[in-house]
Amino acid sequence: DITLERVRAFVFHPFRESIAGKTPKEILKVEVLRWHPDKFDSFIGPKVRDEDWEKTKEAAGLVARWLTTLM
């Protein structure tokens, strides 16, 4: 399940090198842009099988909403 706690744990995980030296606000800003539905659809969409697209898009939308909540 994609929960707020799991999204928070992933986004702020200390082993993610890309977040080193960034504030939580800076991290969230990057992640919100990454998971934005329009950007996600255009970047990830072509890489997902058609039969998996709806579930993938639904999951990405949930992650985007949790990230917005964290802001």
N, C-alpha and C. Protein backbone atom coordinates (compact mmCIF):
# COMPACT_ATOMS: atom_id res chain seq x y z
N ASP A 1 0.82 -1.19 0.00
CA ASP A 1 0.00 0.00 0.00
C ASP A 1 0.87 1.26 0.00
N ILE A 2 0.41 2.26 -0.68
CA ILE A 2 1.11 3.54 -0.72
C ILE A 2 0.49 4.44 0.33
N THR A 3 1.21 4.61 1.41
CA THR A 3 0.71 5.42 2.51
C THR A 3 1.57 6.67 2.66
N LEU A 4 1.05 7.63 3.41
CA LEU A 4 1.81 8.85 3.68
C LEU A 4 3.12 8.52 4.36
N GLU A 5 3.09 7.62 5.31
CA GLU A 5 4.30 7.26 6.05
C GLU A 5 5.35 6.62 5.14
N ARG A 6 4.91 5.78 4.22
CA ARG A 6 5.86 5.13 3.31
C ARG A 6 6.45 6.11 2.30
N VAL A 7 5.62 7.01 1.82
CA VAL A 7 6.13 8.04 0.90
C VAL A 7 7.15 8.91 1.63
N ARG A 8 6.82 9.33 2.84
CA ARG A 8 7.74 10.15 3.64
C ARG A 8 9.06 9.42 3.87
N ALA A 9 8.98 8.15 4.25
CA ALA A 9 10.18 7.36 4.51
C ALA A 9 11.05 7.25 3.26
N PHE A 10 10.43 7.05 2.10
CA PHE A 10 11.20 6.94 0.87
C PHE A 10 11.83 8.27 0.48
N VAL A 11 11.04 9.32 0.48
CA VAL A 11 11.51 10.62 0.01
C VAL A 11 12.68 11.14 0.86
N PHE A 12 12.59 10.91 2.16
CA PHE A 12 13.62 11.43 3.06
C PHE A 12 14.62 10.38 3.52
N HIS A 13 14.66 9.24 2.82
CA HIS A 13 15.59 8.17 3.22
C HIS A 13 17.03 8.68 3.14
N PRO A 14 17.81 8.47 4.20
CA PRO A 14 19.18 9.02 4.23
C PRO A 14 20.13 8.45 3.18
N PHE A 15 19.82 7.32 2.60
CA PHE A 15 20.70 6.73 1.58
C PHE A 15 20.46 7.28 0.18
N ARG A 16 19.48 8.17 0.03
CA ARG A 16 19.24 8.78 -1.28
C ARG A 16 20.26 9.91 -1.46
N GLU A 17 21.22 9.67 -2.31
CA GLU A 17 22.29 10.64 -2.52
C GLU A 17 21.79 11.97 -3.08
N SER A 18 20.71 11.92 -3.82
CA SER A 18 20.20 13.14 -4.47
C SER A 18 19.66 14.16 -3.47
N ILE A 19 19.43 13.77 -2.22
CA ILE A 19 18.88 14.72 -1.26
C ILE A 19 19.93 15.31 -0.33
N ALA A 20 21.15 14.87 -0.47
CA ALA A 20 22.22 15.34 0.42
C ALA A 20 22.34 16.86 0.36
N GLY A 21 22.32 17.48 1.53
CA GLY A 21 22.51 18.92 1.63
C GLY A 21 21.28 19.75 1.30
N LYS A 22 20.15 19.11 1.04
CA LYS A 22 18.94 19.85 0.68
C LYS A 22 18.00 19.91 1.88
N THR A 23 17.23 20.97 1.94
CA THR A 23 16.22 21.11 2.98
C THR A 23 15.02 20.23 2.62
N PRO A 24 14.20 19.89 3.61
CA PRO A 24 12.99 19.13 3.29
C PRO A 24 12.12 19.83 2.24
N LYS A 25 12.02 21.13 2.31
CA LYS A 25 11.22 21.87 1.34
C LYS A 25 11.80 21.72 -0.07
N GLU A 26 13.11 21.80 -0.20
CA GLU A 26 13.76 21.64 -1.51
C GLU A 26 13.53 20.23 -2.06
N ILE A 27 13.63 19.25 -1.18
CA ILE A 27 13.43 17.85 -1.59
C ILE A 27 12.00 17.65 -2.09
N LEU A 28 11.05 18.16 -1.32
CA LEU A 28 9.65 18.00 -1.70
C LEU A 28 9.33 18.70 -3.01
N LYS A 29 9.92 19.86 -3.23
CA LYS A 29 9.67 20.60 -4.47
C LYS A 29 10.10 19.76 -5.68
N VAL A 30 11.28 19.16 -5.60
CA VAL A 30 11.78 18.32 -6.69
C VAL A 30 10.87 17.10 -6.89
N GLU A 31 10.48 16.49 -5.80
CA GLU A 31 9.65 15.28 -5.89
C GLU A 31 8.25 15.59 -6.42
N VAL A 32 7.68 16.70 -6.00
CA VAL A 32 6.35 17.08 -6.51
C VAL A 32 6.41 17.27 -8.02
N LEU A 33 7.45 17.90 -8.50
CA LEU A 33 7.60 18.07 -9.95
C LEU A 33 7.80 16.73 -10.65
N ARG A 34 8.59 15.86 -10.05
CA ARG A 34 8.86 14.55 -10.64
C ARG A 34 7.59 13.71 -10.76
N TRP A 35 6.75 13.77 -9.74
CA TRP A 35 5.55 12.93 -9.70
C TRP A 35 4.31 13.64 -10.23
N HIS A 36 4.44 14.85 -10.72
CA HIS A 36 3.29 15.58 -11.27
C HIS A 36 2.70 14.73 -12.40
N PRO A 37 1.37 14.59 -12.43
CA PRO A 37 0.75 13.71 -13.44
C PRO A 37 1.16 13.99 -14.88
N ASP A 38 1.25 15.24 -15.29
CA ASP A 38 1.63 15.53 -16.67
C ASP A 38 3.05 15.08 -16.98
N LYS A 39 3.95 15.37 -16.09
CA LYS A 39 5.35 14.99 -16.28
C LYS A 39 5.48 13.46 -16.22
N PHE A 40 4.81 12.86 -15.24
CA PHE A 40 4.87 11.41 -15.09
C PHE A 40 4.33 10.72 -16.34
N ASP A 41 3.20 11.19 -16.82
CA ASP A 41 2.60 10.57 -18.00
C ASP A 41 3.52 10.62 -19.21
N SER A 42 4.16 11.75 -19.42
CA SER A 42 5.00 11.88 -20.61
C SER A 42 6.34 11.16 -20.48
N PHE A 43 6.87 11.07 -19.26
CA PHE A 43 8.19 10.45 -19.08
C PHE A 43 8.08 8.95 -18.83
N ILE A 44 7.18 8.55 -17.97
CA ILE A 44 7.07 7.15 -17.59
C ILE A 44 6.08 6.39 -18.48
N GLY A 45 5.04 7.07 -18.92
CA GLY A 45 4.01 6.42 -19.72
C GLY A 45 4.51 5.52 -20.84
N PRO A 46 5.43 6.00 -21.66
CA PRO A 46 5.91 5.17 -22.76
C PRO A 46 6.67 3.91 -22.31
N LYS A 47 7.07 3.87 -21.05
CA LYS A 47 7.86 2.74 -20.55
C LYS A 47 6.99 1.66 -19.88
N VAL A 48 5.70 1.94 -19.74
CA VAL A 48 4.80 1.03 -19.04
C VAL A 48 3.93 0.28 -20.05
N ARG A 49 3.75 -1.01 -19.81
CA ARG A 49 2.88 -1.79 -20.69
C ARG A 49 1.46 -1.26 -20.61
N ASP A 50 0.76 -1.31 -21.72
CA ASP A 50 -0.61 -0.79 -21.78
C ASP A 50 -1.51 -1.39 -20.70
N GLU A 51 -1.37 -2.69 -20.47
CA GLU A 51 -2.24 -3.35 -19.50
C GLU A 51 -1.94 -2.94 -18.05
N ASP A 52 -0.78 -2.33 -17.81
CA ASP A 52 -0.41 -1.87 -16.47
C ASP A 52 -0.57 -0.37 -16.28
N TRP A 53 -0.93 0.34 -17.34
CA TRP A 53 -0.93 1.80 -17.30
C TRP A 53 -1.90 2.37 -16.27
N GLU A 54 -3.12 1.90 -16.22
CA GLU A 54 -4.11 2.48 -15.32
C GLU A 54 -3.69 2.34 -13.85
N LYS A 55 -3.21 1.17 -13.47
CA LYS A 55 -2.76 0.96 -12.08
C LYS A 55 -1.53 1.82 -11.78
N THR A 56 -0.65 1.93 -12.74
CA THR A 56 0.56 2.74 -12.56
C THR A 56 0.19 4.20 -12.40
N LYS A 57 -0.69 4.68 -13.24
CA LYS A 57 -1.12 6.08 -13.18
C LYS A 57 -1.84 6.37 -11.87
N GLU A 58 -2.65 5.45 -11.42
CA GLU A 58 -3.36 5.61 -10.15
C GLU A 58 -2.37 5.69 -8.98
N ALA A 59 -1.37 4.82 -8.99
CA ALA A 59 -0.37 4.82 -7.93
C ALA A 59 0.45 6.11 -7.94
N ALA A 60 0.82 6.57 -9.11
CA ALA A 60 1.59 7.81 -9.23
C ALA A 60 0.77 9.00 -8.74
N GLY A 61 -0.52 9.00 -9.03
CA GLY A 61 -1.38 10.07 -8.56
C GLY A 61 -1.47 10.09 -7.04
N LEU A 62 -1.49 8.91 -6.44
CA LEU A 62 -1.53 8.82 -4.99
C LEU A 62 -0.23 9.35 -4.39
N VAL A 63 0.90 8.98 -4.98
CA VAL A 63 2.18 9.50 -4.51
C VAL A 63 2.20 11.03 -4.62
N ALA A 64 1.73 11.56 -5.72
CA ALA A 64 1.70 13.02 -5.92
C ALA A 64 0.85 13.69 -4.85
N ARG A 65 -0.29 13.11 -4.53
CA ARG A 65 -1.15 13.69 -3.49
C ARG A 65 -0.49 13.65 -2.12
N TRP A 66 0.18 12.54 -1.80
CA TRP A 66 0.88 12.46 -0.50
C TRP A 66 2.01 13.48 -0.44
N LEU A 67 2.71 13.66 -1.54
CA LEU A 67 3.80 14.65 -1.55
C LEU A 67 3.25 16.06 -1.32
N THR A 68 2.12 16.35 -1.93
CA THR A 68 1.50 17.65 -1.73
C THR A 68 1.09 17.81 -0.27
N THR A 69 0.60 16.77 0.34
CA THR A 69 0.24 16.79 1.75
C THR A 69 1.47 17.09 2.62
N LEU A 70 2.60 16.52 2.26
CA LEU A 70 3.83 16.72 3.03
C LEU A 70 4.35 18.16 2.95
N MET A 71 3.99 18.86 1.87
CA MET A 71 4.47 20.22 1.72
C MET A 71 3.80 21.10 2.76
